[in-house]
N, C-alpha and C. Protein backbone atom coordinates (compact mmCIF):
# COMPACT_ATOMS: atom_id res chain seq x y z
N UNK A 1 1.04 -1.35 0.08
CA UNK A 1 -0.42 0.17 0.43
C UNK A 1 0.85 1.47 -0.13
N UNK A 2 0.63 2.59 -0.65
CA UNK A 2 0.96 3.57 -1.37
C UNK A 2 1.33 4.34 0.01
N UNK A 3 2.41 5.13 0.22
CA UNK A 3 1.84 6.30 1.24
C UNK A 3 0.64 7.02 1.65
N UNK A 4 0.08 7.52 2.25
CA UNK A 4 -1.03 8.67 1.81
C UNK A 4 -0.62 10.25 1.70
N UNK A 5 -1.11 10.48 0.98
CA UNK A 5 -1.41 12.25 0.58
C UNK A 5 -1.55 13.04 0.73
N UNK A 6 -2.23 14.25 1.42
CA UNK A 6 -3.56 15.38 1.55
C UNK A 6 -3.11 16.27 0.73
N UNK A 7 -3.92 17.20 -0.08
CA UNK A 7 -3.30 18.17 -0.15
C UNK A 7 -4.76 18.86 -0.53
N UNK A 8 -5.11 19.67 0.11
CA UNK A 8 -6.49 20.25 0.21
C UNK A 8 -7.86 19.06 -0.01
N UNK A 9 -8.51 19.54 -0.51
CA UNK A 9 -9.37 18.39 -0.70
C UNK A 9 -9.20 17.13 -1.51
N UNK A 10 -8.00 16.58 -2.12
CA UNK A 10 -7.73 15.77 -2.71
C UNK A 10 -6.81 14.87 -1.69
N UNK A 11 -7.04 13.85 -1.54
CA UNK A 11 -6.30 12.49 -0.91
C UNK A 11 -6.28 11.26 -1.73
N UNK A 12 -4.99 11.31 -1.24
CA UNK A 12 -4.05 10.32 -2.59
C UNK A 12 -3.54 8.93 -1.88
N UNK A 13 -3.29 7.94 -2.66
CA UNK A 13 -2.18 7.43 -2.17
C UNK A 13 -1.13 7.49 -3.35
N UNK A 14 -0.09 6.89 -3.57
CA UNK A 14 0.54 7.01 -4.41
C UNK A 14 0.65 5.79 -5.25
N UNK A 15 0.27 4.59 -4.85
CA UNK A 15 0.05 3.31 -5.45
C UNK A 15 -1.53 3.32 -6.43
N UNK A 16 -2.59 4.33 -5.85
CA UNK A 16 -3.86 4.16 -6.71
C UNK A 16 -4.07 5.80 -7.65
N UNK A 17 -5.59 5.88 -7.64
CA UNK A 17 -6.04 6.89 -8.38
C UNK A 17 -6.28 7.87 -7.53
N UNK A 18 -6.85 8.82 -7.63
CA UNK A 18 -7.12 10.03 -6.18
C UNK A 18 -8.83 10.63 -6.82
N UNK A 19 -9.18 10.60 -5.60
CA UNK A 19 -10.35 11.13 -5.76
C UNK A 19 -10.32 12.91 -5.16
N UNK A 20 -11.06 13.35 -6.23
CA UNK A 20 -10.90 15.23 -5.78
C UNK A 20 -12.05 15.69 -5.95
N UNK A 21 -12.61 17.09 -5.44
CA UNK A 21 -13.84 17.70 -5.69
C UNK A 21 -13.56 18.99 -7.00
N UNK A 22 -14.05 19.23 -7.88
CA UNK A 22 -13.82 20.30 -8.89
C UNK A 22 -15.08 21.44 -9.19
N UNK A 23 -14.21 22.41 -9.22
CA UNK A 23 -15.49 23.56 -8.93
C UNK A 23 -15.47 24.10 -10.20
N UNK A 24 -16.47 24.00 -11.29
CA UNK A 24 -16.47 24.68 -12.30
C UNK A 24 -17.76 26.27 -12.23
N UNK A 25 -17.18 27.38 -11.77
CA UNK A 25 -18.21 28.63 -12.47
C UNK A 25 -17.20 29.28 -12.96
N UNK A 26 -17.48 29.73 -14.11
CA UNK A 26 -17.14 30.63 -14.97
C UNK A 26 -18.40 31.87 -15.54
N UNK A 27 -17.49 32.95 -15.52
CA UNK A 27 -18.31 34.01 -15.79
C UNK A 27 -19.31 34.04 -16.75
N UNK A 28 -19.27 32.92 -18.05
CA UNK A 28 -19.75 33.04 -18.85
C UNK A 28 -21.62 32.29 -18.72
N UNK A 29 -21.22 31.35 -17.17
CA UNK A 29 -22.08 30.21 -16.99
C UNK A 29 -23.35 31.14 -15.83
N UNK A 30 -24.15 31.90 -17.42
CA UNK A 30 -25.66 32.33 -16.68
C UNK A 30 -26.84 32.69 -17.49
N UNK A 31 -27.58 33.13 -16.70
CA UNK A 31 -28.90 33.53 -17.65
C UNK A 31 -29.86 34.41 -17.79
N UNK A 32 -29.93 35.18 -17.97
CA UNK A 32 -30.96 36.44 -17.18
C UNK A 32 -32.27 36.14 -17.99
N UNK A 33 -33.30 36.33 -17.03
CA UNK A 33 -35.02 35.36 -17.54
C UNK A 33 -35.68 36.45 -16.65
N UNK A 34 -36.93 36.76 -17.07
CA UNK A 34 -38.00 37.67 -16.44
C UNK A 34 -38.98 36.14 -15.71
N UNK A 35 -39.12 36.22 -14.03
CA UNK A 35 -40.06 35.51 -13.89
C UNK A 35 -41.33 35.96 -12.36
N UNK A 36 -41.88 35.55 -12.23
CA UNK A 36 -42.41 35.71 -10.64
C UNK A 36 -42.81 34.81 -10.32
N UNK A 37 -42.47 34.29 -8.41
CA UNK A 37 -42.80 33.29 -7.45
C UNK A 37 -44.11 33.64 -6.87
N UNK A 38 -44.84 32.28 -7.24
CA UNK A 38 -45.68 32.61 -6.61
C UNK A 38 -46.12 31.70 -5.82
N UNK A 39 -46.64 32.60 -4.74
CA UNK A 39 -46.46 32.33 -2.69
C UNK A 39 -47.58 31.36 -2.32
N UNK A 40 -49.18 31.42 -2.80
CA UNK A 40 -50.40 31.24 -2.71
C UNK A 40 -51.78 30.98 -4.09
N UNK A 41 -52.72 30.57 -3.82
CA UNK A 41 -53.81 30.48 -5.38
C UNK A 41 -53.93 32.45 -5.33
N UNK A 42 -53.84 32.73 -4.27
CA UNK A 42 -54.01 34.83 -4.56
C UNK A 42 -52.36 35.67 -4.19
N UNK A 43 -51.48 35.51 -4.07
CA UNK A 43 -50.37 36.12 -3.88
C UNK A 43 -48.90 35.51 -4.93
N UNK A 44 -48.88 36.63 -5.73
CA UNK A 44 -47.47 36.62 -5.96
C UNK A 44 -46.74 37.96 -6.26
N UNK A 45 -45.31 37.97 -6.61
CA UNK A 45 -44.29 38.56 -6.95
C UNK A 45 -44.67 39.22 -8.30
N UNK A 46 -44.61 40.40 -8.95
CA UNK A 46 -44.90 41.20 -9.99
C UNK A 46 -43.77 40.58 -10.93
N UNK A 47 -44.14 40.77 -11.90
CA UNK A 47 -42.88 40.16 -13.51
C UNK A 47 -41.08 40.88 -12.57
N UNK A 48 -40.35 40.37 -12.64
CA UNK A 48 -39.40 40.80 -12.80
C UNK A 48 -38.21 39.90 -13.50
N UNK A 49 -36.87 40.69 -13.59
CA UNK A 49 -36.08 40.05 -13.43
C UNK A 49 -34.44 39.92 -13.15
N UNK A 50 -34.02 38.53 -13.14
CA UNK A 50 -32.44 38.27 -12.49
C UNK A 50 -31.50 37.87 -13.91
N UNK A 51 -29.98 38.48 -13.28
CA UNK A 51 -29.25 37.57 -14.16
C UNK A 51 -28.56 36.16 -12.86
N UNK A 52 -28.95 34.90 -13.34
CA UNK A 52 -29.15 33.93 -12.63
C UNK A 52 -27.74 33.17 -13.11
N UNK A 53 -26.70 32.89 -11.64
CA UNK A 53 -25.67 32.40 -11.88
C UNK A 53 -25.84 30.92 -11.78
N UNK A 54 -25.12 29.85 -12.52
CA UNK A 54 -25.06 28.51 -12.43
C UNK A 54 -23.59 28.02 -12.21
N UNK A 55 -23.31 27.27 -11.12
CA UNK A 55 -21.71 26.55 -11.24
C UNK A 55 -22.08 25.02 -10.82
N UNK A 56 -21.00 24.19 -11.10
CA UNK A 56 -20.97 22.56 -10.72
C UNK A 56 -19.40 22.21 -9.98
N UNK A 57 -20.36 21.57 -8.63
CA UNK A 57 -18.97 21.08 -8.22
C UNK A 57 -19.24 19.64 -8.68
N UNK A 58 -17.94 18.46 -8.88
CA UNK A 58 -18.01 17.56 -9.12
C UNK A 58 -16.87 16.60 -8.51
N UNK A 59 -17.19 15.30 -7.79
CA UNK A 59 -16.43 14.69 -6.74
C UNK A 59 -16.51 13.33 -7.89
N UNK A 60 -14.72 13.49 -8.42
CA UNK A 60 -14.56 11.95 -9.21
C UNK A 60 -13.21 11.90 -8.63
N UNK A 61 -12.64 10.91 -9.41
CA UNK A 61 -11.60 9.94 -9.37
C UNK A 61 -10.60 10.97 -10.27
N UNK A 62 -8.89 10.76 -9.56
CA UNK A 62 -8.03 11.53 -11.06
C UNK A 62 -7.41 10.51 -11.06
N UNK A 63 -7.39 10.05 -12.68
CA UNK A 63 -6.49 9.47 -13.11
C UNK A 63 -4.74 8.86 -12.96
N UNK A 64 -4.11 8.15 -13.51
CA UNK A 64 -3.25 7.58 -13.28
C UNK A 64 -2.22 9.06 -14.58
N UNK A 65 -3.06 9.42 -14.65
CA UNK A 65 -2.21 10.42 -16.00
C UNK A 65 -2.31 12.05 -15.32
N UNK A 66 -3.24 11.84 -14.10
CA UNK A 66 -3.24 13.26 -13.45
C UNK A 66 -4.74 14.30 -13.40
N UNK A 67 -5.63 13.51 -14.58
CA UNK A 67 -6.58 13.57 -15.32
C UNK A 67 -7.77 13.05 -14.60
N UNK A 68 -9.00 14.36 -14.44
CA UNK A 68 -9.81 13.72 -14.07
C UNK A 68 -11.16 13.11 -15.22
N UNK A 69 -11.50 14.36 -15.77
CA UNK A 69 -12.15 14.10 -17.35
C UNK A 69 -11.81 15.33 -17.83
N UNK A 70 -12.40 15.69 -19.19
CA UNK A 70 -12.38 17.06 -19.77
C UNK A 70 -13.73 17.83 -19.51
N UNK A 71 -12.86 18.37 -18.75
CA UNK A 71 -14.42 19.77 -18.10
C UNK A 71 -14.58 20.23 -18.93
N UNK A 72 -14.42 20.56 -20.62
CA UNK A 72 -14.67 21.08 -21.89
C UNK A 72 -16.09 20.69 -21.70
N UNK A 73 -16.54 19.18 -21.44
CA UNK A 73 -17.83 18.51 -22.01
C UNK A 73 -19.15 19.18 -20.53
N UNK A 74 -18.47 19.25 -19.51
CA UNK A 74 -19.17 20.10 -18.67
C UNK A 74 -19.97 21.16 -18.87
N UNK A 75 -18.69 21.97 -19.04
CA UNK A 75 -18.95 23.26 -19.07
C UNK A 75 -19.52 24.01 -20.49
N UNK A 76 -19.76 23.01 -21.43
CA UNK A 76 -20.42 23.40 -22.72
C UNK A 76 -22.02 22.45 -22.54
N UNK A 77 -21.83 21.83 -22.27
CA UNK A 77 -23.44 21.67 -21.49
C UNK A 77 -24.32 22.07 -20.88
N UNK A 78 -23.13 22.85 -20.17
CA UNK A 78 -24.09 24.19 -19.01
C UNK A 78 -24.33 25.07 -19.22
N UNK A 79 -23.43 25.77 -20.27
CA UNK A 79 -23.47 26.74 -20.83
C UNK A 79 -24.62 26.93 -22.43
N UNK A 80 -24.76 25.49 -22.64
CA UNK A 80 -26.10 25.44 -23.62
C UNK A 80 -27.31 25.58 -22.73
N UNK A 81 -27.20 25.04 -22.08
CA UNK A 81 -28.78 25.07 -21.06
C UNK A 81 -28.57 26.34 -20.62
N UNK A 82 -27.69 27.22 -20.34
CA UNK A 82 -28.15 28.39 -19.56
C UNK A 82 -28.61 29.39 -20.82
N UNK A 83 -28.26 29.30 -22.18
CA UNK A 83 -28.57 29.82 -23.14
C UNK A 83 -29.92 29.26 -23.49
N UNK A 84 -30.16 28.41 -23.50
CA UNK A 84 -31.59 27.33 -23.93
C UNK A 84 -32.71 28.59 -22.87
N UNK A 85 -32.85 29.31 -21.89
CA UNK A 85 -33.53 29.68 -20.90
C UNK A 85 -32.99 31.45 -20.97
N UNK A 86 -31.65 31.97 -21.49
CA UNK A 86 -31.49 33.09 -21.71
C UNK A 86 -32.45 33.78 -22.06
N UNK A 87 -32.67 34.90 -22.06
CA UNK A 87 -33.76 35.88 -22.44
C UNK A 87 -35.27 35.90 -22.72
N UNK A 88 -35.64 35.23 -21.65
CA UNK A 88 -37.00 34.62 -21.69
C UNK A 88 -37.58 35.07 -20.42
N UNK A 89 -39.01 34.85 -20.86
CA UNK A 89 -40.22 34.93 -19.55
C UNK A 89 -40.49 33.40 -19.25
N UNK A 90 -39.58 33.37 -17.32
CA UNK A 90 -40.09 31.64 -17.52
C UNK A 90 -41.05 31.67 -16.59
N UNK A 91 -42.15 30.50 -17.10
CA UNK A 91 -43.31 30.35 -16.51
C UNK A 91 -43.51 28.67 -16.09
N UNK A 92 -43.78 28.42 -14.33
CA UNK A 92 -43.57 26.89 -14.34
C UNK A 92 -45.34 26.33 -14.70
N UNK A 93 -44.63 25.20 -15.81
CA UNK A 93 -46.11 24.56 -16.19
C UNK A 93 -46.90 23.32 -15.06
N UNK A 94 -45.90 23.00 -13.75
CA UNK A 94 -46.59 22.21 -12.76
C UNK A 94 -47.05 23.18 -11.32
N UNK A 95 -47.37 24.94 -11.63
CA UNK A 95 -47.88 25.34 -10.61
C UNK A 95 -48.96 24.84 -10.06
N UNK A 96 -50.18 25.15 -9.03
CA UNK A 96 -51.41 24.40 -9.10
C UNK A 96 -52.18 25.72 -9.43
N UNK A 97 -51.80 26.90 -9.46
CA UNK A 97 -52.41 28.29 -9.21
C UNK A 97 -52.33 29.05 -10.29
N UNK A 98 -51.57 28.30 -11.38
CA UNK A 98 -51.02 29.53 -12.82
C UNK A 98 -51.90 28.01 -13.69
N UNK A 99 -52.58 29.04 -14.78
CA UNK A 99 -53.03 28.20 -15.63
C UNK A 99 -52.59 28.39 -16.91
N UNK A 100 -51.78 28.00 -18.39
CA UNK A 100 -50.89 28.73 -19.25
C UNK A 100 -52.03 28.00 -20.62
N UNK A 101 -52.09 29.36 -21.40
CA UNK A 101 -52.72 28.78 -22.95
C UNK A 101 -51.79 29.14 -23.31
N UNK A 102 -51.53 28.77 -24.98
CA UNK A 102 -50.97 29.48 -26.09
C UNK A 102 -51.17 29.00 -27.39
N UNK A 103 -51.21 29.93 -28.50
CA UNK A 103 -52.02 29.68 -29.80
C UNK A 103 -50.58 29.63 -30.50
N UNK A 104 -50.73 30.43 -31.89
CA UNK A 104 -50.07 30.54 -32.83
C UNK A 104 -48.65 31.64 -32.43
N UNK A 105 -49.23 33.12 -31.52
CA UNK A 105 -49.09 34.31 -31.28
C UNK A 105 -48.16 34.50 -29.69
N UNK A 106 -49.46 33.85 -28.95
CA UNK A 106 -49.38 34.25 -27.68
C UNK A 106 -49.31 33.18 -26.38
N UNK A 107 -48.91 33.26 -25.59
CA UNK A 107 -48.60 32.70 -24.20
C UNK A 107 -49.88 33.31 -23.01
N UNK A 108 -50.69 32.12 -22.37
CA UNK A 108 -51.20 33.92 -21.57
C UNK A 108 -51.54 32.59 -20.31
N UNK A 109 -51.16 33.29 -19.43
CA UNK A 109 -50.73 32.88 -18.22
C UNK A 109 -51.82 33.52 -17.25
N UNK A 110 -52.69 33.23 -16.86
CA UNK A 110 -53.76 33.29 -15.90
C UNK A 110 -53.65 32.94 -14.58
N UNK A 111 -53.96 33.73 -13.19
CA UNK A 111 -53.42 33.54 -11.81
C UNK A 111 -54.20 34.78 -11.23
N UNK A 112 -54.76 33.71 -10.44
CA UNK A 112 -55.96 34.57 -9.04
C UNK A 112 -56.75 35.93 -10.24
N UNK A 113 -57.33 35.59 -11.63
CA UNK A 113 -58.33 36.22 -12.29
C UNK A 113 -57.44 36.96 -13.05
N UNK A 114 -56.19 37.02 -13.07
CA UNK A 114 -54.94 37.86 -13.64
C UNK A 114 -54.95 37.46 -15.12
N UNK A 115 -55.04 37.82 -16.22
CA UNK A 115 -54.41 37.69 -17.45
C UNK A 115 -53.10 37.90 -17.84
N UNK A 116 -51.66 37.16 -17.99
CA UNK A 116 -50.74 37.71 -18.43
C UNK A 116 -50.44 37.36 -19.93
N UNK A 117 -50.19 38.34 -20.52
CA UNK A 117 -50.36 38.05 -22.39
C UNK A 117 -48.67 37.93 -22.53
N UNK A 118 -48.12 36.91 -23.17
CA UNK A 118 -46.89 37.14 -23.79
C UNK A 118 -46.69 36.80 -25.03
N UNK A 119 -45.91 37.40 -25.76
CA UNK A 119 -45.27 37.09 -26.71
C UNK A 119 -44.88 35.11 -26.87
N UNK A 120 -45.10 34.28 -27.94
CA UNK A 120 -44.81 33.12 -27.99
C UNK A 120 -43.25 33.14 -27.90
N UNK A 121 -42.66 34.15 -28.97
CA UNK A 121 -41.14 34.31 -28.86
C UNK A 121 -40.32 34.11 -27.80
N UNK A 122 -41.32 35.27 -26.46
CA UNK A 122 -40.47 35.56 -25.19
C UNK A 122 -40.81 34.56 -24.23
N UNK A 123 -41.59 33.22 -24.03
CA UNK A 123 -41.52 32.82 -23.09
C UNK A 123 -40.79 31.03 -23.27
N UNK A 124 -40.60 30.42 -21.56
CA UNK A 124 -40.48 29.02 -22.25
C UNK A 124 -41.17 28.66 -20.58
N UNK A 125 -41.95 27.31 -21.08
CA UNK A 125 -43.05 27.00 -19.76
C UNK A 125 -41.84 25.78 -19.87
N UNK A 126 -41.51 26.10 -18.53
CA UNK A 126 -40.16 25.34 -17.94
C UNK A 126 -41.46 23.68 -16.92
N UNK A 127 -40.99 22.46 -16.90
CA UNK A 127 -41.93 21.67 -16.08
C UNK A 127 -41.22 21.99 -14.64
N UNK A 128 -41.44 23.03 -13.89
CA UNK A 128 -41.26 23.35 -12.79
C UNK A 128 -42.84 23.79 -11.72
N UNK A 129 -42.42 24.11 -10.59
CA UNK A 129 -43.83 23.89 -9.57
C UNK A 129 -43.97 25.94 -9.38
N UNK A 130 -42.47 26.27 -9.74
CA UNK A 130 -42.12 27.00 -9.76
C UNK A 130 -40.92 27.84 -9.85
N UNK A 131 -40.94 29.05 -10.71
CA UNK A 131 -39.31 29.02 -10.94
C UNK A 131 -38.97 30.33 -9.83
N UNK A 132 -38.05 29.30 -9.13
CA UNK A 132 -37.24 29.53 -8.03
C UNK A 132 -36.19 28.82 -8.41
N UNK A 133 -35.04 29.59 -7.19
CA UNK A 133 -33.62 28.21 -7.73
C UNK A 133 -33.52 27.37 -7.12
N UNK A 134 -34.62 27.24 -6.26
CA UNK A 134 -34.09 25.85 -5.46
C UNK A 134 -35.32 24.98 -6.71
N UNK A 135 -36.42 25.03 -7.70
CA UNK A 135 -36.35 24.29 -8.86
C UNK A 135 -35.38 24.51 -9.72
N UNK A 136 -34.86 25.74 -10.13
CA UNK A 136 -33.81 25.41 -11.13
C UNK A 136 -32.89 24.68 -10.72
N UNK A 137 -32.17 24.66 -10.00
CA UNK A 137 -30.79 23.57 -9.65
C UNK A 137 -31.30 22.54 -10.23
N UNK A 138 -32.81 21.61 -9.79
CA UNK A 138 -32.59 19.97 -9.76
C UNK A 138 -32.81 20.40 -11.45
N UNK A 139 -33.58 21.37 -11.64
CA UNK A 139 -33.85 21.40 -13.00
C UNK A 139 -32.45 20.89 -14.02
N UNK A 140 -31.22 22.20 -13.68
CA UNK A 140 -30.15 21.92 -14.34
C UNK A 140 -29.25 20.37 -14.23
N UNK A 141 -30.14 20.38 -12.96
CA UNK A 141 -29.17 18.93 -12.50
C UNK A 141 -29.93 17.30 -13.41
N UNK A 142 -30.81 17.32 -13.62
CA UNK A 142 -31.95 16.44 -14.06
C UNK A 142 -31.03 16.26 -15.77
N UNK A 143 -31.19 17.46 -16.29
CA UNK A 143 -30.96 17.37 -17.76
C UNK A 143 -29.29 17.01 -17.95
N UNK A 144 -28.31 17.15 -17.39
CA UNK A 144 -27.08 17.18 -17.19
C UNK A 144 -26.89 15.73 -16.85
N UNK A 145 -27.93 15.19 -15.61
CA UNK A 145 -27.79 13.33 -15.20
C UNK A 145 -27.85 12.47 -16.72
N UNK A 146 -28.97 13.13 -17.36
CA UNK A 146 -29.79 12.62 -18.38
C UNK A 146 -28.63 12.49 -19.67
N UNK A 147 -28.28 13.46 -19.41
CA UNK A 147 -27.08 13.64 -20.84
C UNK A 147 -26.12 12.27 -20.73
N UNK A 148 -26.05 11.73 -22.65
CA UNK A 148 -25.29 10.61 -22.58
C UNK A 148 -23.65 10.92 -22.65
N UNK A 149 -23.21 12.17 -22.85
CA UNK A 149 -21.65 12.58 -22.93
C UNK A 149 -21.27 12.51 -21.58
N UNK A 150 -22.27 13.32 -20.52
CA UNK A 150 -21.91 13.24 -19.34
C UNK A 150 -21.63 12.42 -18.40
N UNK A 151 -22.70 11.14 -19.05
CA UNK A 151 -22.84 9.88 -18.26
C UNK A 151 -21.78 9.26 -18.29
N UNK A 152 -21.22 9.38 -19.53
CA UNK A 152 -19.83 8.58 -20.18
C UNK A 152 -18.39 9.23 -19.00
N UNK A 153 -18.60 10.00 -18.24
CA UNK A 153 -17.82 10.78 -17.23
C UNK A 153 -17.49 10.23 -16.53
N UNK A 154 -17.87 9.23 -15.98
CA UNK A 154 -17.95 8.52 -14.34
C UNK A 154 -17.75 9.42 -13.27
N UNK A 155 -18.40 10.08 -13.24
CA UNK A 155 -18.39 10.96 -11.69
C UNK A 155 -18.71 10.51 -10.62
N UNK A 156 -18.11 10.97 -9.59
CA UNK A 156 -18.99 10.13 -8.34
C UNK A 156 -20.17 10.79 -7.80
N UNK A 157 -20.27 12.69 -7.84
CA UNK A 157 -21.13 12.71 -7.61
C UNK A 157 -20.96 14.19 -8.06
N UNK A 158 -22.40 15.13 -8.67
CA UNK A 158 -22.47 16.31 -9.70
C UNK A 158 -23.29 17.08 -8.93
N UNK A 159 -22.99 18.60 -8.20
CA UNK A 159 -23.64 19.14 -7.65
C UNK A 159 -23.82 20.43 -8.07
N UNK A 160 -25.25 20.85 -8.59
CA UNK A 160 -25.21 22.05 -9.31
C UNK A 160 -25.70 23.41 -8.69
N UNK A 161 -25.33 24.25 -8.29
CA UNK A 161 -26.05 25.49 -7.62
C UNK A 161 -26.66 27.02 -8.45
N UNK A 162 -27.47 27.15 -8.22
CA UNK A 162 -27.64 28.56 -9.01
C UNK A 162 -28.44 29.59 -8.31
N UNK A 163 -27.53 30.81 -8.86
CA UNK A 163 -28.06 32.75 -8.08
C UNK A 163 -29.14 32.66 -8.46
N UNK A 164 -29.97 33.90 -7.45
CA UNK A 164 -30.62 34.87 -8.27
C UNK A 164 -30.35 35.73 -8.30
N UNK A 165 -28.62 36.33 -7.25
CA UNK A 165 -28.13 37.45 -6.64
C UNK A 165 -27.41 36.87 -5.77
N UNK A 166 -26.85 38.27 -5.42
CA UNK A 166 -25.39 37.40 -4.40
C UNK A 166 -25.89 37.50 -3.45
N UNK A 167 -25.26 35.97 -2.50
CA UNK A 167 -26.07 35.74 -1.29
C UNK A 167 -26.86 34.52 -1.33
N UNK A 168 -27.47 34.43 -2.71
CA UNK A 168 -29.28 33.37 -2.49
C UNK A 168 -29.10 32.73 -3.57
N UNK A 169 -28.55 31.52 -3.62
CA UNK A 169 -27.95 29.94 -3.82
C UNK A 169 -28.65 28.74 -3.34
N UNK A 170 -28.73 28.09 -4.20
CA UNK A 170 -29.17 26.68 -4.27
C UNK A 170 -28.70 25.65 -4.90
N UNK A 171 -29.08 24.25 -4.45
CA UNK A 171 -28.18 23.55 -4.68
C UNK A 171 -28.94 22.08 -4.72
N UNK A 172 -28.80 21.15 -5.61
CA UNK A 172 -28.64 19.83 -6.05
C UNK A 172 -28.31 19.15 -6.20
N UNK A 173 -28.22 17.83 -5.91
CA UNK A 173 -26.79 17.15 -6.00
C UNK A 173 -27.68 15.46 -6.53
N UNK A 174 -26.22 14.85 -7.02
CA UNK A 174 -26.51 13.82 -7.21
C UNK A 174 -25.45 12.72 -7.21
N UNK A 175 -25.85 11.92 -7.39
CA UNK A 175 -24.25 11.12 -6.66
C UNK A 175 -24.66 9.30 -6.76
N UNK A 176 -23.42 8.71 -7.61
CA UNK A 176 -23.51 7.26 -8.17
C UNK A 176 -23.93 6.15 -6.76
N UNK A 177 -24.76 5.20 -6.52
CA UNK A 177 -25.02 4.40 -5.91
C UNK A 177 -24.52 3.67 -4.85
């Protein structure tokens, strides 16, 4: 058995692979979207926007070459997800308090007797209960975990964090069984 070496968050033995935690937080991993949080059947926020930021934390093995995985794969997938919801009004399809109808040109959200019309091209309806960071973090995570390219990376754990502003982060994680 090799000697144990500890450096930061990495523990290794000289005769085997090591495990490490990698953080991926790039300036371009963000999206700007409008939303409103729904608090009850009769109370919601006004429509407003945020620049949301996304980070990933990965626990993985470091191979004998000193590499864990190709970070570019995860960065590209995260960037594509951010781009897919950038500059959109995000509406939650699974809210018990919001009904959504659409035709060829418009999406109309109805909440507590109010109709909120939007141009179809400006809206993205997400399979969420509410458009909050605590719903967006698992939305990102599920898309990454389901992606074949990510599945091939042999990650031990993946955590996604989403922020709607400084000091307001939510996270969701997945780990191998």
